Amino acid sequence: MKEIEKLKQGLEYRFLDEEVANLKQAALIKCARFNNIDPTDDQKQQAAIRDLFGSTGTNVFGEH
């Protein structure tokens, strides 16, 4: 079983695995994009949060 599959199943995985590292890097980039959105632009913030988490409820809110 690949390390990324273990991560997604909530199992122990090798933190330094290349696929896992790529996933972490992508999340860091998405967080940086979120942090650069105008704090008064709720629509862009919500879209960025959904992009980061994959799916959310209807009234998602994040603060940076």
PDB file of N, CA and C in Angstrom:
ATOM      1  N   MET A   1       0.852  -1.177   0.000  1.00  0.00           N
ATOM      2  CA  MET A   1       0.000   0.000   0.000  1.00  0.00           C
ATOM      3  C   MET A   1       0.896   1.239   0.000  1.00  0.00           C
ATOM      4  N   LYS A   2       0.524   2.194  -0.833  1.00  0.00           N
ATOM      5  CA  LYS A   2       1.308   3.420  -0.935  1.00  0.00           C
ATOM      6  C   LYS A   2       1.082   4.291   0.307  1.00  0.00           C
ATOM      7  N   GLU A   3       2.075   5.114   0.599  1.00  0.00           N
ATOM      8  CA  GLU A   3       2.017   5.977   1.781  1.00  0.00           C
ATOM      9  C   GLU A   3       0.839   6.957   1.712  1.00  0.00           C
ATOM     10  N   ILE A   4       0.559   7.484   0.534  1.00  0.00           N
ATOM     11  CA  ILE A   4      -0.545   8.427   0.364  1.00  0.00           C
ATOM     12  C   ILE A   4      -1.881   7.749   0.663  1.00  0.00           C
ATOM     13  N   GLU A   5      -1.996   6.471   0.308  1.00  0.00           N
ATOM     14  CA  GLU A   5      -3.210   5.707   0.605  1.00  0.00           C
ATOM     15  C   GLU A   5      -3.358   5.508   2.109  1.00  0.00           C
ATOM     16  N   LYS A   6      -2.252   5.232   2.779  1.00  0.00           N
ATOM     17  CA  LYS A   6      -2.280   5.092   4.235  1.00  0.00           C
ATOM     18  C   LYS A   6      -2.736   6.389   4.894  1.00  0.00           C
ATOM     19  N   LEU A   7      -2.178   7.510   4.421  1.00  0.00           N
ATOM     20  CA  LEU A   7      -2.551   8.818   4.967  1.00  0.00           C
ATOM     21  C   LEU A   7      -4.061   9.033   4.838  1.00  0.00           C
ATOM     22  N   LYS A   8      -4.600   8.781   3.643  1.00  0.00           N
ATOM     23  CA  LYS A   8      -6.022   9.011   3.384  1.00  0.00           C
ATOM     24  C   LYS A   8      -6.925   8.078   4.176  1.00  0.00           C
ATOM     25  N   GLN A   9      -6.393   6.925   4.597  1.00  0.00           N
ATOM     26  CA  GLN A   9      -7.170   5.982   5.386  1.00  0.00           C
ATOM     27  C   GLN A   9      -6.977   6.181   6.893  1.00  0.00           C
ATOM     28  N   GLY A  10      -6.167   7.159   7.248  1.00  0.00           N
ATOM     29  CA  GLY A  10      -5.940   7.437   8.658  1.00  0.00           C
ATOM     30  C   GLY A  10      -4.959   6.484   9.322  1.00  0.00           C
ATOM     31  N   LEU A  11      -4.163   5.814   8.519  1.00  0.00           N
ATOM     32  CA  LEU A  11      -3.171   4.883   9.052  1.00  0.00           C
ATOM     33  C   LEU A  11      -1.826   5.594   9.212  1.00  0.00           C
ATOM     34  N   GLU A  12      -0.910   4.934   9.896  1.00  0.00           N
ATOM     35  CA  GLU A  12       0.436   5.489   9.999  1.00  0.00           C
ATOM     36  C   GLU A  12       1.080   5.460   8.628  1.00  0.00           C
ATOM     37  N   TYR A  13       1.805   6.522   8.302  1.00  0.00           N
ATOM     38  CA  TYR A  13       2.454   6.637   7.010  1.00  0.00           C
ATOM     39  C   TYR A  13       3.801   7.312   7.180  1.00  0.00           C
ATOM     40  N   ARG A  14       4.630   7.183   6.149  1.00  0.00           N
ATOM     41  CA  ARG A  14       5.960   7.795   6.158  1.00  0.00           C
ATOM     42  C   ARG A  14       5.821   9.256   5.749  1.00  0.00           C
ATOM     43  N   PHE A  15       6.079  10.150   6.680  1.00  0.00           N
ATOM     44  CA  PHE A  15       5.898  11.588   6.514  1.00  0.00           C
ATOM     45  C   PHE A  15       6.739  12.158   5.384  1.00  0.00           C
ATOM     46  N   LEU A  16       7.897  11.594   5.132  1.00  0.00           N
ATOM     47  CA  LEU A  16       8.819  12.127   4.131  1.00  0.00           C
ATOM     48  C   LEU A  16       8.653  11.499   2.752  1.00  0.00           C
ATOM     49  N   ASP A  17       7.612  10.691   2.567  1.00  0.00           N
ATOM     50  CA  ASP A  17       7.326  10.104   1.267  1.00  0.00           C
ATOM     51  C   ASP A  17       7.112  11.208   0.231  1.00  0.00           C
ATOM     52  N   GLU A  18       7.567  11.009  -0.998  1.00  0.00           N
ATOM     53  CA  GLU A  18       7.491  12.046  -2.026  1.00  0.00           C
ATOM     54  C   GLU A  18       6.056  12.460  -2.340  1.00  0.00           C
ATOM     55  N   GLU A  19       5.148  11.505  -2.470  1.00  0.00           N
ATOM     56  CA  GLU A  19       3.748  11.844  -2.757  1.00  0.00           C
ATOM     57  C   GLU A  19       3.113  12.614  -1.602  1.00  0.00           C
ATOM     58  N   VAL A  20       3.413  12.202  -0.391  1.00  0.00           N
ATOM     59  CA  VAL A  20       2.901  12.898   0.790  1.00  0.00           C
ATOM     60  C   VAL A  20       3.474  14.314   0.835  1.00  0.00           C
ATOM     61  N   ALA A  21       4.759  14.449   0.562  1.00  0.00           N
ATOM     62  CA  ALA A  21       5.397  15.765   0.558  1.00  0.00           C
ATOM     63  C   ALA A  21       4.764  16.673  -0.495  1.00  0.00           C
ATOM     64  N   ASN A  22       4.436  16.122  -1.659  1.00  0.00           N
ATOM     65  CA  ASN A  22       3.790  16.916  -2.705  1.00  0.00           C
ATOM     66  C   ASN A  22       2.408  17.385  -2.272  1.00  0.00           C
ATOM     67  N   LEU A  23       1.683  16.531  -1.589  1.00  0.00           N
ATOM     68  CA  LEU A  23       0.361  16.894  -1.081  1.00  0.00           C
ATOM     69  C   LEU A  23       0.478  18.009  -0.040  1.00  0.00           C
ATOM     70  N   LYS A  24       1.452  17.895   0.841  1.00  0.00           N
ATOM     71  CA  LYS A  24       1.674  18.940   1.853  1.00  0.00           C
ATOM     72  C   LYS A  24       2.057  20.255   1.196  1.00  0.00           C
ATOM     73  N   GLN A  25       2.910  20.199   0.185  1.00  0.00           N
ATOM     74  CA  GLN A  25       3.334  21.414  -0.503  1.00  0.00           C
ATOM     75  C   GLN A  25       2.143  22.082  -1.194  1.00  0.00           C
ATOM     76  N   ALA A  26       1.288  21.302  -1.816  1.00  0.00           N
ATOM     77  CA  ALA A  26       0.101  21.857  -2.465  1.00  0.00           C
ATOM     78  C   ALA A  26      -0.803  22.537  -1.443  1.00  0.00           C
ATOM     79  N   ALA A  27      -0.937  21.939  -0.268  1.00  0.00           N
ATOM     80  CA  ALA A  27      -1.757  22.537   0.795  1.00  0.00           C
ATOM     81  C   ALA A  27      -1.141  23.844   1.284  1.00  0.00           C
ATOM     82  N   LEU A  28       0.178  23.885   1.397  1.00  0.00           N
ATOM     83  CA  LEU A  28       0.846  25.118   1.816  1.00  0.00           C
ATOM     84  C   LEU A  28       0.617  26.245   0.815  1.00  0.00           C
ATOM     85  N   ILE A  29       0.668  25.907  -0.462  1.00  0.00           N
ATOM     86  CA  ILE A  29       0.432  26.912  -1.507  1.00  0.00           C
ATOM     87  C   ILE A  29      -1.004  27.419  -1.437  1.00  0.00           C
ATOM     88  N   LYS A  30      -1.956  26.514  -1.235  1.00  0.00           N
ATOM     89  CA  LYS A  30      -3.362  26.918  -1.133  1.00  0.00           C
ATOM     90  C   LYS A  30      -3.594  27.782   0.103  1.00  0.00           C
ATOM     91  N   CYS A  31      -2.920  27.470   1.193  1.00  0.00           N
ATOM     92  CA  CYS A  31      -3.039  28.297   2.404  1.00  0.00           C
ATOM     93  C   CYS A  31      -2.474  29.692   2.154  1.00  0.00           C
ATOM     94  N   ALA A  32      -1.360  29.772   1.464  1.00  0.00           N
ATOM     95  CA  ALA A  32      -0.764  31.073   1.157  1.00  0.00           C
ATOM     96  C   ALA A  32      -1.695  31.889   0.267  1.00  0.00           C
ATOM     97  N   ARG A  33      -2.323  31.239  -0.703  1.00  0.00           N
ATOM     98  CA  ARG A  33      -3.281  31.948  -1.558  1.00  0.00           C
ATOM     99  C   ARG A  33      -4.449  32.471  -0.731  1.00  0.00           C
ATOM    100  N   PHE A  34      -4.959  31.638   0.171  1.00  0.00           N
ATOM    101  CA  PHE A  34      -6.060  32.063   1.036  1.00  0.00           C
ATOM    102  C   PHE A  34      -5.647  33.285   1.858  1.00  0.00           C
ATOM    103  N   ASN A  35      -4.455  33.232   2.410  1.00  0.00           N
ATOM    104  CA  ASN A  35      -3.984  34.323   3.256  1.00  0.00           C
ATOM    105  C   ASN A  35      -3.790  35.634   2.492  1.00  0.00           C
ATOM    106  N   ASN A  36      -3.667  35.558   1.178  1.00  0.00           N
ATOM    107  CA  ASN A  36      -3.492  36.758   0.366  1.00  0.00           C
ATOM    108  C   ASN A  36      -4.797  37.329  -0.180  1.00  0.00           C
ATOM    109  N   ILE A  37      -5.917  36.703   0.144  1.00  0.00           N
ATOM    110  CA  ILE A  37      -7.220  37.206  -0.302  1.00  0.00           C
ATOM    111  C   ILE A  37      -7.645  38.353   0.607  1.00  0.00           C
ATOM    112  N   ASP A  38      -8.235  39.362   0.007  1.00  0.00           N
ATOM    113  CA  ASP A  38      -8.772  40.500   0.759  1.00  0.00           C
ATOM    114  C   ASP A  38      -9.718  39.964   1.843  1.00  0.00           C
ATOM    115  N   PRO A  39      -9.500  40.320   3.101  1.00  0.00           N
ATOM    116  CA  PRO A  39     -10.326  39.781   4.185  1.00  0.00           C
ATOM    117  C   PRO A  39     -11.804  40.146   4.078  1.00  0.00           C
ATOM    118  N   THR A  40     -12.151  41.104   3.247  1.00  0.00           N
ATOM    119  CA  THR A  40     -13.564  41.460   3.087  1.00  0.00           C
ATOM    120  C   THR A  40     -14.212  40.740   1.907  1.00  0.00           C
ATOM    121  N   ASP A  41     -13.442  39.947   1.161  1.00  0.00           N
ATOM    122  CA  ASP A  41     -13.969  39.233  -0.001  1.00  0.00           C
ATOM    123  C   ASP A  41     -14.404  37.824   0.407  1.00  0.00           C
ATOM    124  N   ASP A  42     -15.602  37.740   0.965  1.00  0.00           N
ATOM    125  CA  ASP A  42     -16.112  36.459   1.475  1.00  0.00           C
ATOM    126  C   ASP A  42     -16.213  35.382   0.401  1.00  0.00           C
ATOM    127  N   GLN A  43     -16.628  35.749  -0.794  1.00  0.00           N
ATOM    128  CA  GLN A  43     -16.792  34.755  -1.857  1.00  0.00           C
ATOM    129  C   GLN A  43     -15.465  34.118  -2.238  1.00  0.00           C
ATOM    130  N   LYS A  44     -14.433  34.924  -2.400  1.00  0.00           N
ATOM    131  CA  LYS A  44     -13.115  34.378  -2.743  1.00  0.00           C
ATOM    132  C   LYS A  44     -12.568  33.536  -1.598  1.00  0.00           C
ATOM    133  N   GLN A  45     -12.797  33.979  -0.366  1.00  0.00           N
ATOM    134  CA  GLN A  45     -12.334  33.203   0.783  1.00  0.00           C
ATOM    135  C   GLN A  45     -13.014  31.839   0.823  1.00  0.00           C
ATOM    136  N   GLN A  46     -14.324  31.822   0.640  1.00  0.00           N
ATOM    137  CA  GLN A  46     -15.055  30.553   0.667  1.00  0.00           C
ATOM    138  C   GLN A  46     -14.594  29.625  -0.449  1.00  0.00           C
ATOM    139  N   ALA A  47     -14.364  30.176  -1.642  1.00  0.00           N
ATOM    140  CA  ALA A  47     -13.878  29.354  -2.756  1.00  0.00           C
ATOM    141  C   ALA A  47     -12.502  28.771  -2.443  1.00  0.00           C
ATOM    142  N   ALA A  48     -11.639  29.561  -1.841  1.00  0.00           N
ATOM    143  CA  ALA A  48     -10.291  29.096  -1.499  1.00  0.00           C
ATOM    144  C   ALA A  48     -10.342  28.011  -0.424  1.00  0.00           C
ATOM    145  N   ILE A  49     -11.231  28.158   0.533  1.00  0.00           N
ATOM    146  CA  ILE A  49     -11.367  27.147   1.591  1.00  0.00           C
ATOM    147  C   ILE A  49     -11.885  25.843   0.999  1.00  0.00           C
ATOM    148  N   ARG A  50     -12.859  25.932   0.111  1.00  0.00           N
ATOM    149  CA  ARG A  50     -13.376  24.713  -0.535  1.00  0.00           C
ATOM    150  C   ARG A  50     -12.285  24.042  -1.369  1.00  0.00           C
ATOM    151  N   ASP A  51     -11.464  24.848  -2.031  1.00  0.00           N
ATOM    152  CA  ASP A  51     -10.363  24.292  -2.809  1.00  0.00           C
ATOM    153  C   ASP A  51      -9.362  23.581  -1.900  1.00  0.00           C
ATOM    154  N   LEU A  52      -9.098  24.161  -0.757  1.00  0.00           N
ATOM    155  CA  LEU A  52      -8.145  23.571   0.187  1.00  0.00           C
ATOM    156  C   LEU A  52      -8.669  22.271   0.785  1.00  0.00           C
ATOM    157  N   PHE A  53      -9.927  22.266   1.214  1.00  0.00           N
ATOM    158  CA  PHE A  53     -10.474  21.108   1.919  1.00  0.00           C
ATOM    159  C   PHE A  53     -11.221  20.131   1.019  1.00  0.00           C
ATOM    160  N   GLY A  54     -11.501  20.513  -0.208  1.00  0.00           N
ATOM    161  CA  GLY A  54     -12.199  19.609  -1.117  1.00  0.00           C
ATOM    162  C   GLY A  54     -13.699  19.768  -1.064  1.00  0.00           C
ATOM    163  N   SER A  55     -14.258  19.884   0.127  1.00  0.00           N
ATOM    164  CA  SER A  55     -15.682  20.125   0.290  1.00  0.00           C
ATOM    165  C   SER A  55     -15.911  20.715   1.674  1.00  0.00           C
ATOM    166  N   THR A  56     -16.999  21.450   1.796  1.00  0.00           N
ATOM    167  CA  THR A  56     -17.333  22.079   3.073  1.00  0.00           C
ATOM    168  C   THR A  56     -18.844  22.158   3.197  1.00  0.00           C
ATOM    169  N   GLY A  57     -19.307  22.637   4.322  1.00  0.00           N
ATOM    170  CA  GLY A  57     -20.723  22.933   4.491  1.00  0.00           C
ATOM    171  C   GLY A  57     -21.070  24.206   3.733  1.00  0.00           C
ATOM    172  N   THR A  58     -22.281  24.670   3.911  1.00  0.00           N
ATOM    173  CA  THR A  58     -22.725  25.838   3.150  1.00  0.00           C
ATOM    174  C   THR A  58     -22.223  27.144   3.726  1.00  0.00           C
ATOM    175  N   ASN A  59     -22.028  27.242   5.017  1.00  0.00           N
ATOM    176  CA  ASN A  59     -21.626  28.492   5.655  1.00  0.00           C
ATOM    177  C   ASN A  59     -20.230  28.362   6.261  1.00  0.00           C
ATOM    178  N   VAL A  60     -19.251  28.222   5.395  1.00  0.00           N
ATOM    179  CA  VAL A  60     -17.869  28.053   5.844  1.00  0.00           C
ATOM    180  C   VAL A  60     -17.240  29.430   6.034  1.00  0.00           C
ATOM    181  N   PHE A  61     -16.385  29.545   7.049  1.00  0.00           N
ATOM    182  CA  PHE A  61     -15.724  30.806   7.331  1.00  0.00           C
ATOM    183  C   PHE A  61     -14.318  30.510   7.819  1.00  0.00           C
ATOM    184  N   GLY A  62     -13.389  31.280   7.341  1.00  0.00           N
ATOM    185  CA  GLY A  62     -12.009  31.167   7.795  1.00  0.00           C
ATOM    186  C   GLY A  62     -11.456  32.556   8.036  1.00  0.00           C
ATOM    187  N   GLU A  63     -10.526  32.664   8.929  1.00  0.00           N
ATOM    188  CA  GLU A  63      -9.941  33.967   9.229  1.00  0.00           C
ATOM    189  C   GLU A  63      -8.432  33.858   9.119  1.00  0.00           C
ATOM    190  N   HIS A  64      -7.830  34.901   8.590  1.00  0.00           N
ATOM    191  CA  HIS A  64      -6.365  34.903   8.453  1.00  0.00           C
ATOM    192  C   HIS A  64      -5.801  36.168   8.967  1.00  0.00           C
TER     193      HIS A  64
END
